[in-house]
PDB file of all heavy atoms in Angstrom:
ATOM      1  N   ALA A   1       4.329  -6.757 -24.000  1.00  0.00           N
ATOM      2  CA  ALA A   1       3.656  -5.487 -23.720  1.00  0.00           C
ATOM      3  C   ALA A   1       4.472  -4.557 -22.831  1.00  0.00           C
ATOM      4  O   ALA A   1       4.304  -3.338 -22.906  1.00  0.00           O
ATOM      5  CB  ALA A   1       2.290  -5.751 -23.083  1.00  0.00           C
ATOM      6  N   GLY A   2       5.325  -5.106 -21.964  1.00  0.00           N
ATOM      7  CA  GLY A   2       6.130  -4.265 -21.088  1.00  0.00           C
ATOM      8  C   GLY A   2       5.332  -3.555 -20.006  1.00  0.00           C
ATOM      9  O   GLY A   2       5.701  -2.467 -19.564  1.00  0.00           O
ATOM     10  N   PHE A   3       4.246  -4.195 -19.541  1.00  0.00           N
ATOM     11  CA  PHE A   3       3.442  -3.601 -18.471  1.00  0.00           C
ATOM     12  C   PHE A   3       4.199  -3.637 -17.144  1.00  0.00           C
ATOM     13  O   PHE A   3       5.149  -4.407 -16.961  1.00  0.00           O
ATOM     14  CB  PHE A   3       2.126  -4.376 -18.288  1.00  0.00           C
ATOM     15  CG  PHE A   3       1.170  -4.264 -19.433  1.00  0.00           C
ATOM     16  CD1 PHE A   3       0.221  -5.270 -19.643  1.00  0.00           C
ATOM     17  CD2 PHE A   3       1.168  -3.181 -20.289  1.00  0.00           C
ATOM     18  CE1 PHE A   3      -0.685  -5.193 -20.686  1.00  0.00           C
ATOM     19  CE2 PHE A   3       0.263  -3.086 -21.338  1.00  0.00           C
ATOM     20  CZ  PHE A   3      -0.666  -4.099 -21.531  1.00  0.00           C
ATOM     21  N   SER A   4       3.725  -2.850 -16.189  1.00  0.00           N
ATOM     22  CA  SER A   4       4.253  -2.921 -14.831  1.00  0.00           C
ATOM     23  C   SER A   4       3.856  -4.251 -14.205  1.00  0.00           C
ATOM     24  O   SER A   4       2.936  -4.939 -14.673  1.00  0.00           O
ATOM     25  CB  SER A   4       3.699  -1.780 -13.976  1.00  0.00           C
ATOM     26  OG  SER A   4       2.310  -1.980 -13.693  1.00  0.00           O
ATOM     27  N   ASN A   5       4.551  -4.605 -13.127  1.00  0.00           N
ATOM     28  CA  ASN A   5       4.189  -5.825 -12.417  1.00  0.00           C
ATOM     29  C   ASN A   5       2.835  -5.692 -11.728  1.00  0.00           C
ATOM     30  O   ASN A   5       2.138  -6.696 -11.536  1.00  0.00           O
ATOM     31  CB  ASN A   5       5.283  -6.189 -11.408  1.00  0.00           C
ATOM     32  CG  ASN A   5       6.492  -6.792 -12.081  1.00  0.00           C
ATOM     33  OD1 ASN A   5       6.442  -7.900 -12.605  1.00  0.00           O
ATOM     34  ND2 ASN A   5       7.597  -6.063 -12.088  1.00  0.00           N
ATOM     35  N   VAL A   6       2.449  -4.477 -11.357  1.00  0.00           N
ATOM     36  CA  VAL A   6       1.112  -4.279 -10.805  1.00  0.00           C
ATOM     37  C   VAL A   6       0.057  -4.548 -11.882  1.00  0.00           C
ATOM     38  O   VAL A   6      -0.966  -5.194 -11.622  1.00  0.00           O
ATOM     39  CB  VAL A   6       0.961  -2.862 -10.211  1.00  0.00           C
ATOM     40  CG1 VAL A   6      -0.496  -2.571  -9.858  1.00  0.00           C
ATOM     41  CG2 VAL A   6       1.841  -2.714  -8.966  1.00  0.00           C
ATOM     42  N   SER A   7       0.314  -4.080 -13.107  1.00  0.00           N
ATOM     43  CA  SER A   7      -0.613  -4.391 -14.205  1.00  0.00           C
ATOM     44  C   SER A   7      -0.736  -5.893 -14.402  1.00  0.00           C
ATOM     45  O   SER A   7      -1.841  -6.433 -14.559  1.00  0.00           O
ATOM     46  CB  SER A   7      -0.130  -3.743 -15.511  1.00  0.00           C
ATOM     47  OG  SER A   7      -0.370  -2.368 -15.535  1.00  0.00           O
ATOM     48  N   TYR A   8       0.412  -6.580 -14.396  1.00  0.00           N
ATOM     49  CA  TYR A   8       0.379  -8.034 -14.554  1.00  0.00           C
ATOM     50  C   TYR A   8      -0.411  -8.683 -13.424  1.00  0.00           C
ATOM     51  O   TYR A   8      -1.200  -9.613 -13.653  1.00  0.00           O
ATOM     52  CB  TYR A   8       1.800  -8.591 -14.595  1.00  0.00           C
ATOM     53  CG  TYR A   8       1.846 -10.100 -14.582  1.00  0.00           C
ATOM     54  CD1 TYR A   8       1.240 -10.843 -15.580  1.00  0.00           C
ATOM     55  CD2 TYR A   8       2.498 -10.785 -13.557  1.00  0.00           C
ATOM     56  CE1 TYR A   8       1.264 -12.228 -15.566  1.00  0.00           C
ATOM     57  CE2 TYR A   8       2.541 -12.171 -13.533  1.00  0.00           C
ATOM     58  CZ  TYR A   8       1.919 -12.889 -14.532  1.00  0.00           C
ATOM     59  OH  TYR A   8       1.934 -14.247 -14.507  1.00  0.00           O
ATOM     60  N   GLY A   9      -0.237  -8.187 -12.198  1.00  0.00           N
ATOM     61  CA  GLY A   9      -1.001  -8.722 -11.083  1.00  0.00           C
ATOM     62  C   GLY A   9      -2.493  -8.529 -11.281  1.00  0.00           C
ATOM     63  O   GLY A   9      -3.298  -9.442 -11.027  1.00  0.00           O
ATOM     64  N   LEU A  10      -2.887  -7.362 -11.744  1.00  0.00           N
ATOM     65  CA  LEU A  10      -4.301  -7.091 -11.998  1.00  0.00           C
ATOM     66  C   LEU A  10      -4.855  -7.991 -13.100  1.00  0.00           C
ATOM     67  O   LEU A  10      -6.010  -8.429 -13.049  1.00  0.00           O
ATOM     68  CB  LEU A  10      -4.495  -5.623 -12.365  1.00  0.00           C
ATOM     69  CG  LEU A  10      -4.251  -4.625 -11.218  1.00  0.00           C
ATOM     70  CD1 LEU A  10      -4.098  -3.211 -11.765  1.00  0.00           C
ATOM     71  CD2 LEU A  10      -5.383  -4.687 -10.196  1.00  0.00           C
ATOM     72  N   VAL A  11      -4.020  -8.279 -14.107  1.00  0.00           N
ATOM     73  CA  VAL A  11      -4.417  -9.229 -15.149  1.00  0.00           C
ATOM     74  C   VAL A  11      -4.723 -10.584 -14.517  1.00  0.00           C
ATOM     75  O   VAL A  11      -5.766 -11.208 -14.795  1.00  0.00           O
ATOM     76  CB  VAL A  11      -3.305  -9.364 -16.209  1.00  0.00           C
ATOM     77  CG1 VAL A  11      -3.550 -10.584 -17.102  1.00  0.00           C
ATOM     78  CG2 VAL A  11      -3.213  -8.101 -17.057  1.00  0.00           C
ATOM     79  N   CYS A  12      -3.820 -11.059 -13.667  1.00  0.00           N
ATOM     80  CA  CYS A  12      -4.024 -12.359 -13.013  1.00  0.00           C
ATOM     81  C   CYS A  12      -5.272 -12.352 -12.140  1.00  0.00           C
ATOM     82  O   CYS A  12      -6.038 -13.323 -12.109  1.00  0.00           O
ATOM     83  CB  CYS A  12      -2.793 -12.716 -12.179  1.00  0.00           C
ATOM     84  SG  CYS A  12      -1.318 -13.093 -13.152  1.00  0.00           S
ATOM     85  N   GLN A  13      -5.483 -11.258 -11.440  1.00  0.00           N
ATOM     86  CA  GLN A  13      -6.661 -11.131 -10.580  1.00  0.00           C
ATOM     87  C   GLN A  13      -7.943 -11.280 -11.387  1.00  0.00           C
ATOM     88  O   GLN A  13      -8.848 -12.042 -11.015  1.00  0.00           O
ATOM     89  CB  GLN A  13      -6.630  -9.772  -9.893  1.00  0.00           C
ATOM     90  CG  GLN A  13      -7.890  -9.404  -9.124  1.00  0.00           C
ATOM     91  CD  GLN A  13      -7.827  -7.974  -8.625  1.00  0.00           C
ATOM     92  OE1 GLN A  13      -7.063  -7.666  -7.713  1.00  0.00           O
ATOM     93  NE2 GLN A  13      -8.613  -7.083  -9.212  1.00  0.00           N
ATOM     94  N   GLU A  14      -8.042 -10.560 -12.483  1.00  0.00           N
ATOM     95  CA  GLU A  14      -9.270 -10.593 -13.276  1.00  0.00           C
ATOM     96  C   GLU A  14      -9.455 -11.930 -13.981  1.00  0.00           C
ATOM     97  O   GLU A  14     -10.575 -12.443 -14.086  1.00  0.00           O
ATOM     98  CB  GLU A  14      -9.281  -9.434 -14.272  1.00  0.00           C
ATOM     99  CG  GLU A  14      -9.292  -8.061 -13.628  1.00  0.00           C
ATOM    100  CD  GLU A  14     -10.454  -7.851 -12.666  1.00  0.00           C
ATOM    101  OE1 GLU A  14     -11.576  -8.342 -12.956  1.00  0.00           O
ATOM    102  OE2 GLU A  14     -10.247  -7.220 -11.618  1.00  0.00           O
ATOM    103  N   LEU A  15      -8.355 -12.513 -14.465  1.00  0.00           N
ATOM    104  CA  LEU A  15      -8.462 -13.809 -15.140  1.00  0.00           C
ATOM    105  C   LEU A  15      -8.924 -14.901 -14.179  1.00  0.00           C
ATOM    106  O   LEU A  15      -9.745 -15.746 -14.535  1.00  0.00           O
ATOM    107  CB  LEU A  15      -7.113 -14.199 -15.759  1.00  0.00           C
ATOM    108  CG  LEU A  15      -6.643 -13.381 -16.956  1.00  0.00           C
ATOM    109  CD1 LEU A  15      -5.269 -13.852 -17.407  1.00  0.00           C
ATOM    110  CD2 LEU A  15      -7.628 -13.461 -18.120  1.00  0.00           C
ATOM    111  N   GLU A  16      -8.413 -14.870 -12.954  1.00  0.00           N
ATOM    112  CA  GLU A  16      -8.773 -15.942 -12.022  1.00  0.00           C
ATOM    113  C   GLU A  16     -10.187 -15.757 -11.471  1.00  0.00           C
ATOM    114  O   GLU A  16     -10.798 -16.726 -11.024  1.00  0.00           O
ATOM    115  CB  GLU A  16      -7.764 -16.052 -10.878  1.00  0.00           C
ATOM    116  CG  GLU A  16      -7.893 -17.341 -10.097  1.00  0.00           C
ATOM    117  CD  GLU A  16      -6.569 -17.949  -9.680  1.00  0.00           C
ATOM    118  OE1 GLU A  16      -5.506 -17.372  -9.975  1.00  0.00           O
ATOM    119  OE2 GLU A  16      -6.585 -19.027  -9.059  1.00  0.00           O
ATOM    120  N   ARG A  17     -10.710 -14.545 -11.522  1.00  0.00           N
ATOM    121  CA  ARG A  17     -12.130 -14.383 -11.218  1.00  0.00           C
ATOM    122  C   ARG A  17     -12.939 -15.195 -12.215  1.00  0.00           C
ATOM    123  O   ARG A  17     -14.018 -15.718 -11.893  1.00  0.00           O
ATOM    124  CB  ARG A  17     -12.524 -12.909 -11.265  1.00  0.00           C
ATOM    125  CG  ARG A  17     -13.991 -12.660 -10.911  1.00  0.00           C
ATOM    126  CD  ARG A  17     -14.299 -11.177 -10.863  1.00  0.00           C
ATOM    127  NE  ARG A  17     -14.141 -10.534 -12.175  1.00  0.00           N
ATOM    128  CZ  ARG A  17     -15.080 -10.441 -13.086  1.00  0.00           C
ATOM    129  NH1 ARG A  17     -16.287 -10.960 -12.857  1.00  0.00           N
ATOM    130  NH2 ARG A  17     -14.859  -9.831 -14.243  1.00  0.00           N
ATOM    131  N   GLY A  18     -12.440 -15.300 -13.442  1.00  0.00           N
ATOM    132  CA  GLY A  18     -13.082 -16.175 -14.421  1.00  0.00           C
ATOM    133  C   GLY A  18     -12.874 -17.627 -14.070  1.00  0.00           C
ATOM    134  O   GLY A  18     -13.831 -18.370 -13.828  1.00  0.00           O
ATOM    135  N   ASP A  19     -11.627 -18.041 -13.987  1.00  0.00           N
ATOM    136  CA  ASP A  19     -11.304 -19.409 -13.569  1.00  0.00           C
ATOM    137  C   ASP A  19      -9.794 -19.531 -13.410  1.00  0.00           C
ATOM    138  O   ASP A  19      -9.029 -18.919 -14.166  1.00  0.00           O
ATOM    139  CB  ASP A  19     -11.792 -20.439 -14.590  1.00  0.00           C
ATOM    140  CG  ASP A  19     -11.773 -21.854 -14.036  1.00  0.00           C
ATOM    141  OD1 ASP A  19     -12.735 -22.225 -13.337  1.00  0.00           O
ATOM    142  OD2 ASP A  19     -10.795 -22.582 -14.275  1.00  0.00           O
ATOM    143  N   SER A  20      -9.383 -20.336 -12.445  1.00  0.00           N
ATOM    144  CA  SER A  20      -7.954 -20.550 -12.219  1.00  0.00           C
ATOM    145  C   SER A  20      -7.267 -21.131 -13.449  1.00  0.00           C
ATOM    146  O   SER A  20      -6.073 -20.911 -13.662  1.00  0.00           O
ATOM    147  CB  SER A  20      -7.734 -21.491 -11.025  1.00  0.00           C
ATOM    148  OG  SER A  20      -8.249 -20.939  -9.836  1.00  0.00           O
ATOM    149  N   ALA A  21      -8.005 -21.859 -14.273  1.00  0.00           N
ATOM    150  CA  ALA A  21      -7.412 -22.451 -15.472  1.00  0.00           C
ATOM    151  C   ALA A  21      -6.938 -21.385 -16.446  1.00  0.00           C
ATOM    152  O   ALA A  21      -5.892 -21.537 -17.088  1.00  0.00           O
ATOM    153  CB  ALA A  21      -8.418 -23.372 -16.154  1.00  0.00           C
ATOM    154  N   ILE A  22      -7.697 -20.296 -16.568  1.00  0.00           N
ATOM    155  CA  ILE A  22      -7.326 -19.234 -17.510  1.00  0.00           C
ATOM    156  C   ILE A  22      -6.086 -18.513 -16.994  1.00  0.00           C
ATOM    157  O   ILE A  22      -5.143 -18.264 -17.750  1.00  0.00           O
ATOM    158  CB  ILE A  22      -8.489 -18.252 -17.703  1.00  0.00           C
ATOM    159  CG1 ILE A  22      -9.806 -18.997 -18.020  1.00  0.00           C
ATOM    160  CG2 ILE A  22      -8.148 -17.260 -18.802  1.00  0.00           C
ATOM    161  CD1 ILE A  22      -9.762 -19.820 -19.274  1.00  0.00           C
ATOM    162  N   ARG A  23      -6.085 -18.183 -15.702  1.00  0.00           N
ATOM    163  CA  ARG A  23      -4.895 -17.542 -15.132  1.00  0.00           C
ATOM    164  C   ARG A  23      -3.691 -18.469 -15.198  1.00  0.00           C
ATOM    165  O   ARG A  23      -2.568 -18.045 -15.493  1.00  0.00           O
ATOM    166  CB  ARG A  23      -5.180 -17.111 -13.694  1.00  0.00           C
ATOM    167  CG  ARG A  23      -4.168 -16.096 -13.131  1.00  0.00           C
ATOM    168  CD  ARG A  23      -3.000 -16.763 -12.433  1.00  0.00           C
ATOM    169  NE  ARG A  23      -3.480 -17.714 -11.459  1.00  0.00           N
ATOM    170  CZ  ARG A  23      -2.831 -18.835 -11.160  1.00  0.00           C
ATOM    171  NH1 ARG A  23      -1.700 -19.155 -11.759  1.00  0.00           N
ATOM    172  NH2 ARG A  23      -3.326 -19.671 -10.263  1.00  0.00           N
ATOM    173  N   SER A  24      -3.893 -19.751 -14.946  1.00  0.00           N
ATOM    174  CA  SER A  24      -2.782 -20.706 -14.994  1.00  0.00           C
ATOM    175  C   SER A  24      -2.154 -20.757 -16.376  1.00  0.00           C
ATOM    176  O   SER A  24      -0.929 -20.808 -16.514  1.00  0.00           O
ATOM    177  CB  SER A  24      -3.258 -22.106 -14.587  1.00  0.00           C
ATOM    178  OG  SER A  24      -3.616 -22.157 -13.232  1.00  0.00           O
ATOM    179  N   CYS A  25      -2.986 -20.763 -17.410  1.00  0.00           N
ATOM    180  CA  CYS A  25      -2.473 -20.790 -18.779  1.00  0.00           C
ATOM    181  C   CYS A  25      -1.586 -19.586 -19.042  1.00  0.00           C
ATOM    182  O   CYS A  25      -0.479 -19.710 -19.580  1.00  0.00           O
ATOM    183  CB  CYS A  25      -3.635 -20.824 -19.759  1.00  0.00           C
ATOM    184  SG  CYS A  25      -3.143 -20.705 -21.497  1.00  0.00           S
ATOM    185  N   VAL A  26      -2.053 -18.404 -18.648  1.00  0.00           N
ATOM    186  CA  VAL A  26      -1.296 -17.176 -18.875  1.00  0.00           C
ATOM    187  C   VAL A  26      -0.046 -17.142 -18.011  1.00  0.00           C
ATOM    188  O   VAL A  26       1.036 -16.727 -18.442  1.00  0.00           O
ATOM    189  CB  VAL A  26      -2.187 -15.952 -18.611  1.00  0.00           C
ATOM    190  CG1 VAL A  26      -1.383 -14.657 -18.631  1.00  0.00           C
ATOM    191  CG2 VAL A  26      -3.303 -15.889 -19.650  1.00  0.00           C
ATOM    192  N   SER A  27      -0.165 -17.605 -16.773  1.00  0.00           N
ATOM    193  CA  SER A  27       0.958 -17.613 -15.840  1.00  0.00           C
ATOM    194  C   SER A  27       2.065 -18.549 -16.310  1.00  0.00           C
ATOM    195  O   SER A  27       3.252 -18.193 -16.303  1.00  0.00           O
ATOM    196  CB  SER A  27       0.465 -18.030 -14.453  1.00  0.00           C
ATOM    197  OG  SER A  27       1.529 -18.098 -13.530  1.00  0.00           O
ATOM    198  N   VAL A  28       1.683 -19.745 -16.730  1.00  0.00           N
ATOM    199  CA  VAL A  28       2.681 -20.704 -17.210  1.00  0.00           C
ATOM    200  C   VAL A  28       3.349 -20.197 -18.483  1.00  0.00           C
ATOM    201  O   VAL A  28       4.567 -20.325 -18.653  1.00  0.00           O
ATOM    202  CB  VAL A  28       2.038 -22.089 -17.427  1.00  0.00           C
ATOM    203  CG1 VAL A  28       2.975 -23.022 -18.198  1.00  0.00           C
ATOM    204  CG2 VAL A  28       1.671 -22.709 -16.092  1.00  0.00           C
ATOM    205  N   GLN A  29       2.561 -19.607 -19.361  1.00  0.00           N
ATOM    206  CA  GLN A  29       3.125 -19.076 -20.599  1.00  0.00           C
ATOM    207  C   GLN A  29       4.143 -17.974 -20.308  1.00  0.00           C
ATOM    208  O   GLN A  29       5.263 -17.989 -20.826  1.00  0.00           O
ATOM    209  CB  GLN A  29       2.000 -18.533 -21.484  1.00  0.00           C
ATOM    210  CG  GLN A  29       2.452 -17.890 -22.774  1.00  0.00           C
ATOM    211  CD  GLN A  29       2.691 -18.873 -23.899  1.00  0.00           C
ATOM    212  OE1 GLN A  29       2.928 -20.049 -23.666  1.00  0.00           O
ATOM    213  NE2 GLN A  29       2.629 -18.411 -25.139  1.00  0.00           N
ATOM    214  N   GLY A  30       3.752 -17.007 -19.480  1.00  0.00           N
ATOM    215  CA  GLY A  30       4.606 -15.844 -19.259  1.00  0.00           C
ATOM    216  C   GLY A  30       5.700 -16.065 -18.239  1.00  0.00           C
ATOM    217  O   GLY A  30       6.886 -15.864 -18.520  1.00  0.00           O
ATOM    218  N   SER A  31       5.327 -16.514 -17.042  1.00  0.00           N
ATOM    219  CA  SER A  31       6.274 -16.597 -15.933  1.00  0.00           C
ATOM    220  C   SER A  31       7.180 -17.817 -16.010  1.00  0.00           C
ATOM    221  O   SER A  31       8.335 -17.763 -15.578  1.00  0.00           O
ATOM    222  CB  SER A  31       5.516 -16.610 -14.601  1.00  0.00           C
ATOM    223  OG  SER A  31       4.810 -15.407 -14.409  1.00  0.00           O
ATOM    224  N   LEU A  32       6.659 -18.927 -16.529  1.00  0.00           N
ATOM    225  CA  LEU A  32       7.422 -20.172 -16.488  1.00  0.00           C
ATOM    226  C   LEU A  32       8.023 -20.579 -17.830  1.00  0.00           C
ATOM    227  O   LEU A  32       8.952 -21.391 -17.858  1.00  0.00           O
ATOM    228  CB  LEU A  32       6.527 -21.307 -15.965  1.00  0.00           C
ATOM    229  CG  LEU A  32       5.988 -21.128 -14.542  1.00  0.00           C
ATOM    230  CD1 LEU A  32       5.170 -22.347 -14.124  1.00  0.00           C
ATOM    231  CD2 LEU A  32       7.107 -20.875 -13.547  1.00  0.00           C
ATOM    232  N   SER A  33       7.506 -20.039 -18.922  1.00  0.00           N
ATOM    233  CA  SER A  33       8.036 -20.425 -20.238  1.00  0.00           C
ATOM    234  C   SER A  33       8.761 -19.269 -20.931  1.00  0.00           C
ATOM    235  O   SER A  33       9.892 -19.417 -21.387  1.00  0.00           O
ATOM    236  CB  SER A  33       6.890 -20.927 -21.133  1.00  0.00           C
ATOM    237  OG  SER A  33       6.221 -22.018 -20.537  1.00  0.00           O
ATOM    238  N   MET A  34       8.115 -18.112 -20.994  1.00  0.00           N
ATOM    239  CA  MET A  34       8.753 -16.963 -21.630  1.00  0.00           C
ATOM    240  C   MET A  34       9.844 -16.362 -20.751  1.00  0.00           C
ATOM    241  O   MET A  34      10.917 -15.979 -21.243  1.00  0.00           O
ATOM    242  CB  MET A  34       7.704 -15.901 -21.968  1.00  0.00           C
ATOM    243  CG  MET A  34       6.681 -16.354 -22.994  1.00  0.00           C
ATOM    244  SD  MET A  34       5.330 -15.169 -23.243  1.00  0.00           S
ATOM    245  CE  MET A  34       6.196 -13.825 -24.065  1.00  0.00           C
ATOM    246  N   TYR A  35       9.583 -16.257 -19.455  1.00  0.00           N
ATOM    247  CA  TYR A  35      10.561 -15.639 -18.554  1.00  0.00           C
ATOM    248  C   TYR A  35      11.930 -16.316 -18.606  1.00  0.00           C
ATOM    249  O   TYR A  35      12.952 -15.625 -18.725  1.00  0.00           O
ATOM    250  CB  TYR A  35      10.034 -15.613 -17.121  1.00  0.00           C
ATOM    251  CG  TYR A  35      11.074 -15.160 -16.121  1.00  0.00           C
ATOM    252  CD1 TYR A  35      11.376 -13.810 -15.947  1.00  0.00           C
ATOM    253  CD2 TYR A  35      11.794 -16.092 -15.377  1.00  0.00           C
ATOM    254  CE1 TYR A  35      12.350 -13.398 -15.048  1.00  0.00           C
ATOM    255  CE2 TYR A  35      12.767 -15.696 -14.470  1.00  0.00           C
ATOM    256  CZ  TYR A  35      13.040 -14.343 -14.316  1.00  0.00           C
ATOM    257  OH  TYR A  35      14.024 -13.954 -13.426  1.00  0.00           O
ATOM    258  N   PRO A  36      12.033 -17.658 -18.508  1.00  0.00           N
ATOM    259  CA  PRO A  36      13.376 -18.258 -18.553  1.00  0.00           C
ATOM    260  C   PRO A  36      14.104 -18.026 -19.877  1.00  0.00           C
ATOM    261  O   PRO A  36      15.331 -17.886 -19.889  1.00  0.00           O
ATOM    262  CB  PRO A  36      13.117 -19.745 -18.296  1.00  0.00           C
ATOM    263  CG  PRO A  36      11.670 -19.950 -18.572  1.00  0.00           C
ATOM    264  CD  PRO A  36      10.997 -18.660 -18.228  1.00  0.00           C
ATOM    265  N   ILE A  37      13.362 -17.987 -20.986  1.00  0.00           N
ATOM    266  CA  ILE A  37      14.010 -17.665 -22.261  1.00  0.00           C
ATOM    267  C   ILE A  37      14.485 -16.216 -22.236  1.00  0.00           C
ATOM    268  O   ILE A  37      15.608 -15.901 -22.647  1.00  0.00           O
ATOM    269  CB  ILE A  37      13.041 -17.911 -23.436  1.00  0.00           C
ATOM    270  CG1 ILE A  37      12.674 -19.395 -23.533  1.00  0.00           C
ATOM    271  CG2 ILE A  37      13.656 -17.428 -24.751  1.00  0.00           C
ATOM    272  CD1 ILE A  37      11.599 -19.700 -24.560  1.00  0.00           C
ATOM    273  N   HIS A  38      13.637 -15.330 -21.735  1.00  0.00           N
ATOM    274  CA  HIS A  38      13.959 -13.902 -21.652  1.00  0.00           C
ATOM    275  C   HIS A  38      15.147 -13.657 -20.725  1.00  0.00           C
ATOM    276  O   HIS A  38      16.024 -12.831 -21.018  1.00  0.00           O
ATOM    277  CB  HIS A  38      12.728 -13.143 -21.157  1.00  0.00           C
ATOM    278  CG  HIS A  38      12.806 -11.653 -21.301  1.00  0.00           C
ATOM    279  ND1 HIS A  38      13.411 -10.844 -20.365  1.00  0.00           N
ATOM    280  CD2 HIS A  38      12.330 -10.819 -22.271  1.00  0.00           C
ATOM    281  CE1 HIS A  38      13.319  -9.580 -20.744  1.00  0.00           C
ATOM    282  NE2 HIS A  38      12.669  -9.535 -21.901  1.00  0.00           N
ATOM    283  N   ALA A  39      15.206 -14.372 -19.600  1.00  0.00           N
ATOM    284  CA  ALA A  39      16.234 -14.128 -18.588  1.00  0.00           C
ATOM    285  C   ALA A  39      17.519 -14.907 -18.836  1.00  0.00           C
ATOM    286  O   ALA A  39      18.617 -14.407 -18.544  1.00  0.00           O
ATOM    287  CB  ALA A  39      15.681 -14.477 -17.199  1.00  0.00           C
TER     288      ALA A  39
END
């Protein structure tokens, strides 16, 4: 999507209001799995 890092932070904020598991899934996918391939 190419969002700003503030947008990504807001995504994490809203997801974790639901549950840490949902934010964790998205965080691991993007920051820990996609990011190293991208970088």
